[in-house]
Structure formats: C-alpha cells, structure tokens
Amino acid sequence: MRIDEPIKALKRLDDGTAMRGVFYLLLSLTAIFLIIDVRNMETSPKLSTADPAYQVPFLPPAGTKGDPSDAAQSPSSPAEVLNKPMTLELGPGGVLLVEGTFDPGASSRFAREIEVRGEYVRTVALNSPGGSVDDALAISKLIREKSLTTKVVSRALCASSCPIVLAGGVERLAEKDAVVGVHQLFTVRNVIPAADELMSTTQSATARVARHLEAMGIAAELWFNALETPADRLYYLTAKEMADFRLTTTPAASPKKRS
C-alpha cells in the first residue's frame, strides 16, 4: 500500500465522521488515563473517580480552566442556596426556576412538577452547580419532549452537569454574565472500583452524554472541553463559544432594565 493512501482516505471523510473519530479517540484515551489514576490511588480510601450516578458539586472560583481563565462574573447566589437539593418554583410568565444541586431523584420531582403544572410552564430557568448526571439527562429529555425553553439569567450558575439540562431546550438562552462551565464526570466514593469497572462506567456515561448532546443538536466540541478539563476545575464558556457550540440558540443578551 502506498504511504499516501491513508492520507487520501482521511481527506474523503466528511466533517461529522472525522469529529466522531476524534471523539472516540479522546474517549479511549480518557479511559486509559483513568485506569492509570486508579492504580496509582489504591492506597487512598476516598478519592474522586468517574461515575455517572452522582457528582459532588463545587462552586467557583474553587478551580478554573479555559478562556477566560476565570468566570467573567461570580454567581450571585450564595453557596448554601446552590448546594441545597434541587428546588422548583413557578414564577410569572410561566418561568420555572430550577435551583440547587441535582441530587439523586431530582428528575422524578421535576417530572411530577411538569405533570401537575406543566400547562403553565414555558421556560426553565437554571441556577445549579450540577450533580447527578442521570437526573440531568432525564430532565433534559423531558424538557425537549415538552418543547420548553431553557435559560441561564445574568449571574446565575449552570455548571458541571447543568449544561446537559440547558441543552434540552428548543430555545436556549444565556444572558450576559451568565456563569456556564463544564468538566469531567466525577464523584466521591468510599470504595475505589476495579479498573475494568471504572473503564466500563466511564465509557458508558461519556457515551450517553455525548449521544444526548448530539441528539439535542449540540456541537461535539462542547463535550471535548469537558473531557479535557479535570474534575476539580471548570472550563467557563464564553458567549461566543456557547453560540458556536450551539448550546445557545440566540445571541447572549443583557436583562432588560426597568424604566
């Protein structure tokens, strides 16, 4: 086989195929590095490891990564509000405020709220540091099923698994100074899993999130930034990145001032 034949074959691939190839390469490398980390951490009883079930959120500015290196604004809500289990509050104009951590079972509470008062809900406003990936996926899917809008208002936080929920909106809005960030999946566990279990869990969770984001019309580059960012850091997304990755469907806008 001539040496230039593989190169010509790559050039014939369309952009989507090439991006999927890059994604699966990154996924494989992530699994390998996680296995190495687990083997190096076997003497420690409590460590952060990849797990789709539950993430322990941390709040900015505990760790940052990306461009800008720090969030443009600090979240306006205090830590005690963001760290509490998810609450739901229906406000004027059909805006359902989803606030706090996505604790296990949060998606069931969200589904009950939509079942009872869904006819009044038009927009889901997010203010969350993330949490359970499984619950975030379930909430996001229901939002898309009900054709709702999602938004992050000025100085509200949407981090970790929260952008998965944001992705569910048929319209997705982020006001100026909204704090939106992503990073790798993680949790805190008392028992370190075996390397093969960790690899299986990581691959499954990563694939489910990536598949969901693709179904929601979000560009794969968003998840690449999450995969590349350690669990104790956040990659803060600029307004341009959110638009480029199709995480938002309209340009970022400032909240209207009252006259």
Protein backbone atom coordinates (compact mmCIF):
# COMPACT_ATOMS: atom_id res chain seq x y z
CA MET A 1 0.00 0.00 0.00
CA ARG A 2 1.36 3.43 -0.90
CA ILE A 3 2.13 5.72 2.02
CA ASP A 4 -0.17 8.48 0.76
CA GLU A 5 -3.27 6.24 0.56
CA PRO A 6 -4.29 6.60 4.30
CA ILE A 7 -3.98 10.37 3.97
CA LYS A 8 -6.22 10.42 0.89
CA ALA A 9 -8.75 8.25 2.73
CA LEU A 10 -8.88 10.72 5.65
CA LYS A 11 -9.46 13.61 3.25
CA ARG A 12 -12.50 11.83 1.84
CA LEU A 13 -14.19 11.70 5.26
CA ASP A 14 -16.89 14.29 5.92
CA ASP A 15 -16.60 16.60 8.93
CA GLY A 16 -19.13 14.64 11.01
CA THR A 17 -17.30 11.36 10.54
CA ALA A 18 -13.98 12.98 11.38
CA MET A 19 -15.38 14.59 14.54
CA ARG A 20 -16.84 11.27 15.71
CA GLY A 21 -13.48 9.63 15.13
CA VAL A 22 -11.74 12.28 17.22
CA PHE A 23 -14.36 11.88 19.96
CA TYR A 24 -13.89 8.13 20.22
CA LEU A 25 -10.13 8.57 20.31
CA LEU A 26 -10.47 11.04 23.19
CA LEU A 27 -12.88 8.67 24.95
CA SER A 28 -10.37 5.81 24.73
CA LEU A 29 -7.54 7.99 25.99
CA THR A 30 -9.70 9.22 28.89
CA ALA A 31 -10.46 5.65 29.95
CA ILE A 32 -6.77 4.71 29.81
CA PHE A 33 -5.71 7.67 31.95
CA LEU A 34 -8.48 6.96 34.47
CA ILE A 35 -7.29 3.37 34.85
CA ILE A 36 -3.74 4.60 35.45
CA ASP A 37 -5.03 7.11 38.04
CA VAL A 38 -6.99 4.44 39.91
CA ARG A 39 -3.99 2.15 40.08
CA ASN A 40 -1.89 4.99 41.43
CA MET A 41 -4.51 5.89 44.06
CA GLU A 42 -5.19 2.46 45.57
CA THR A 43 -3.72 3.48 48.95
CA SER A 44 -6.27 6.27 49.41
CA PRO A 45 -9.77 5.39 50.75
CA LYS A 46 -11.65 8.44 49.47
CA LEU A 47 -10.95 9.83 46.03
CA SER A 48 -12.81 11.39 43.12
CA THR A 49 -13.48 8.95 40.30
CA ALA A 50 -15.67 8.90 37.23
CA ASP A 51 -19.19 7.76 37.91
CA PRO A 52 -22.45 8.78 36.21
CA ALA A 53 -24.61 8.38 39.30
CA TYR A 54 -23.79 11.43 41.37
CA GLN A 55 -21.36 14.31 41.33
CA VAL A 56 -20.42 16.35 44.38
CA PRO A 57 -20.56 19.92 43.03
CA PHE A 58 -18.06 22.59 43.91
CA LEU A 59 -18.57 26.28 43.38
CA PRO A 60 -16.49 28.86 41.54
CA PRO A 61 -13.85 30.07 41.98
CA ALA A 62 -12.61 26.78 43.52
CA GLY A 63 -10.89 25.90 40.26
CA THR A 64 -10.92 27.34 36.80
CA LYS A 65 -9.64 26.48 33.38
CA GLY A 66 -10.27 27.86 29.95
CA ASP A 67 -10.55 31.17 28.19
CA PRO A 68 -11.25 33.30 30.12
CA SER A 69 -9.27 31.57 32.88
CA ASP A 70 -11.79 32.82 35.41
CA ALA A 71 -15.53 33.28 35.22
CA ALA A 72 -16.43 36.75 33.99
CA GLN A 73 -18.74 37.08 37.00
CA SER A 74 -19.21 35.28 40.29
CA PRO A 75 -22.62 33.63 40.78
CA SER A 76 -25.00 35.89 42.65
CA SER A 77 -26.49 33.07 44.72
CA PRO A 78 -24.72 32.07 47.96
CA ALA A 79 -23.20 28.62 48.37
CA GLU A 80 -25.93 27.45 50.73
CA VAL A 81 -28.55 28.06 48.01
CA LEU A 82 -26.59 26.32 45.25
CA ASN A 83 -25.56 23.33 47.39
CA LYS A 84 -29.04 22.50 48.62
CA PRO A 85 -31.07 19.75 46.88
CA MET A 86 -32.87 20.96 43.77
CA THR A 87 -35.95 23.10 44.33
CA LEU A 88 -38.65 24.15 41.86
CA GLU A 89 -40.54 27.44 41.86
CA LEU A 90 -43.02 28.56 39.22
CA GLY A 91 -42.90 32.31 38.69
CA PRO A 92 -44.65 34.86 36.49
CA GLY A 93 -44.71 34.31 32.74
CA GLY A 94 -44.50 30.54 33.03
CA VAL A 95 -40.85 30.59 34.19
CA LEU A 96 -39.98 27.55 36.30
CA LEU A 97 -36.88 28.24 38.40
CA VAL A 98 -34.76 25.10 38.86
CA GLU A 99 -32.26 25.91 41.59
CA GLY A 100 -29.70 23.96 43.60
CA THR A 101 -27.92 20.64 43.17
CA PHE A 102 -29.32 17.81 41.03
CA ASP A 103 -29.49 15.30 43.86
CA PRO A 104 -30.47 11.68 43.07
CA GLY A 105 -34.22 11.71 42.46
CA ALA A 106 -34.31 15.31 41.22
CA SER A 107 -35.63 14.21 37.83
CA SER A 108 -38.62 12.50 39.48
CA ARG A 109 -39.52 15.70 41.31
CA PHE A 110 -39.16 17.67 38.08
CA ALA A 111 -41.40 15.20 36.23
CA ARG A 112 -44.07 15.47 38.95
CA GLU A 113 -43.97 19.27 38.72
CA ILE A 114 -44.42 19.14 34.95
CA GLU A 115 -47.24 16.63 35.31
CA VAL A 116 -49.10 18.84 37.80
CA ARG A 117 -48.38 22.33 36.46
CA GLY A 118 -46.76 21.73 33.09
CA GLU A 119 -49.50 23.56 31.18
CA TYR A 120 -48.28 26.80 32.79
CA VAL A 121 -44.55 26.22 32.24
CA ARG A 122 -42.96 27.84 29.20
CA THR A 123 -39.35 28.37 30.28
CA VAL A 124 -36.97 26.54 32.64
CA ALA A 125 -34.52 28.93 34.31
CA LEU A 126 -31.41 27.20 35.66
CA ASN A 127 -29.26 28.10 38.66
CA SER A 128 -27.31 24.97 39.55
CA PRO A 129 -23.73 23.73 40.13
CA GLY A 130 -24.69 20.35 38.65
CA GLY A 131 -24.99 16.99 40.34
CA SER A 132 -26.45 13.68 39.22
CA VAL A 133 -25.76 13.10 35.53
CA ASP A 134 -28.56 10.54 35.24
CA ASP A 135 -31.05 13.06 36.63
CA ALA A 136 -29.70 15.84 34.41
CA LEU A 137 -30.17 13.65 31.34
CA ALA A 138 -33.74 12.74 32.34
CA ILE A 139 -34.68 16.38 32.99
CA SER A 140 -33.14 17.47 29.69
CA LYS A 141 -35.06 14.83 27.73
CA LEU A 142 -38.37 15.83 29.33
CA ILE A 143 -37.73 19.50 28.59
CA ARG A 144 -37.21 18.68 24.91
CA GLU A 145 -40.25 16.40 24.88
CA LYS A 146 -42.39 19.27 26.20
CA SER A 147 -40.81 21.81 23.78
CA LEU A 148 -39.77 24.15 26.59
CA THR A 149 -37.22 26.95 26.52
CA THR A 150 -34.19 26.89 28.82
CA LYS A 151 -32.19 29.86 30.03
CA VAL A 152 -29.49 30.99 32.44
CA VAL A 153 -30.06 34.54 33.63
CA SER A 154 -27.37 37.10 34.41
CA ARG A 155 -25.02 35.88 37.20
CA ALA A 156 -26.89 32.60 37.59
CA LEU A 157 -24.72 29.45 37.57
CA CYS A 158 -25.03 26.47 35.24
CA ALA A 159 -22.03 24.19 35.73
CA SER A 160 -20.90 20.57 35.56
CA SER A 161 -23.97 18.51 34.51
CA CYS A 162 -26.27 21.58 34.36
CA PRO A 163 -25.39 22.39 30.71
CA ILE A 164 -26.84 18.96 29.85
CA VAL A 165 -30.19 20.30 31.08
CA LEU A 166 -29.67 23.60 29.28
CA ALA A 167 -29.17 21.62 26.06
CA GLY A 168 -32.71 20.23 26.29
CA GLY A 169 -34.46 23.49 25.45
CA VAL A 170 -35.87 24.03 21.98
CA GLU A 171 -34.65 27.59 22.57
CA ARG A 172 -31.57 28.01 24.76
CA LEU A 173 -30.70 31.39 26.18
CA ALA A 174 -27.85 32.75 28.28
CA GLU A 175 -27.97 36.35 29.42
CA LYS A 176 -24.85 38.47 29.63
CA ASP A 177 -22.71 37.47 32.66
CA ALA A 178 -24.37 34.05 33.00
CA VAL A 179 -21.79 31.67 34.50
CA VAL A 180 -21.70 28.45 32.45
CA GLY A 181 -18.97 25.81 32.83
CA VAL A 182 -18.17 22.16 32.10
CA HIS A 183 -15.74 19.50 33.30
CA GLN A 184 -15.23 15.72 33.51
CA LEU A 185 -17.69 13.48 35.31
CA PHE A 186 -16.71 12.61 38.86
CA THR A 187 -17.97 11.54 42.28
CA VAL A 188 -16.63 10.80 45.73
CA ARG A 189 -16.75 7.14 46.73
CA ASN A 190 -15.56 5.28 49.82
CA VAL A 191 -14.57 2.23 47.78
CA ILE A 192 -12.30 2.55 44.77
CA PRO A 193 -13.71 0.49 41.86
CA ALA A 194 -11.71 -2.06 39.94
CA ALA A 195 -10.00 -0.72 36.83
CA ASP A 196 -12.27 -2.64 34.44
CA GLU A 197 -15.39 -1.44 36.28
CA LEU A 198 -14.15 2.15 36.13
CA MET A 199 -13.42 1.93 32.41
CA SER A 200 -16.86 0.45 31.69
CA THR A 201 -18.64 3.07 33.81
CA THR A 202 -16.70 5.94 32.27
CA GLN A 203 -17.26 4.80 28.70
CA SER A 204 -20.97 4.24 29.28
CA ALA A 205 -21.56 7.60 30.97
CA THR A 206 -19.49 9.53 28.44
CA ALA A 207 -21.21 7.85 25.51
CA ARG A 208 -24.69 8.53 26.92
CA VAL A 209 -23.94 12.20 27.47
CA ALA A 210 -22.30 12.60 24.05
CA ARG A 211 -25.18 10.81 22.31
CA HIS A 212 -27.73 13.00 24.10
CA LEU A 213 -25.92 16.24 23.24
CA GLU A 214 -25.71 15.18 19.60
CA ALA A 215 -29.45 14.44 19.60
CA MET A 216 -30.09 17.88 21.05
CA GLY A 217 -28.12 19.49 18.21
CA ILE A 218 -25.11 20.50 20.32
CA ALA A 219 -21.67 20.51 18.68
CA ALA A 220 -19.23 17.81 19.83
CA GLU A 221 -16.62 20.45 20.73
CA LEU A 222 -18.59 21.30 23.88
CA TRP A 223 -18.07 17.80 25.26
CA PHE A 224 -14.41 17.79 24.15
CA ASN A 225 -13.82 20.73 26.51
CA ALA A 226 -15.49 18.81 29.33
CA LEU A 227 -13.38 15.71 28.69
CA GLU A 228 -10.19 17.78 28.72
CA THR A 229 -10.96 19.60 31.97
CA PRO A 230 -10.12 17.87 35.30
CA ALA A 231 -12.93 17.23 37.74
CA ASP A 232 -11.59 19.85 40.17
CA ARG A 233 -11.65 22.58 37.51
CA LEU A 234 -14.27 24.26 35.35
CA TYR A 235 -13.98 25.32 31.74
CA TYR A 236 -16.02 28.53 31.60
CA LEU A 237 -17.75 29.06 28.29
CA THR A 238 -17.78 32.47 26.66
CA ALA A 239 -20.90 33.78 24.92
CA LYS A 240 -19.20 33.17 21.56
CA GLU A 241 -18.33 29.57 22.47
CA MET A 242 -21.88 28.86 23.61
CA ALA A 243 -23.18 30.17 20.28
CA ASP A 244 -20.52 28.35 18.25
CA PHE A 245 -21.23 25.06 20.07
CA ARG A 246 -24.99 25.68 19.60
CA LEU A 247 -25.52 25.47 23.36
CA THR A 248 -27.40 28.77 22.95
CA THR A 249 -29.75 29.43 20.06
CA THR A 250 -29.79 33.22 20.26
CA PRO A 251 -27.04 35.74 20.99
CA ALA A 252 -26.38 36.47 24.68
CA ALA A 253 -28.42 39.41 25.88
CA SER A 254 -28.47 41.62 28.93
CA PRO A 255 -31.57 41.58 31.14
CA LYS A 256 -33.93 44.44 30.39
CA LYS A 257 -33.74 47.37 32.76
CA ARG A 258 -36.89 48.70 34.30
CA SER A 259 -37.66 52.29 33.46
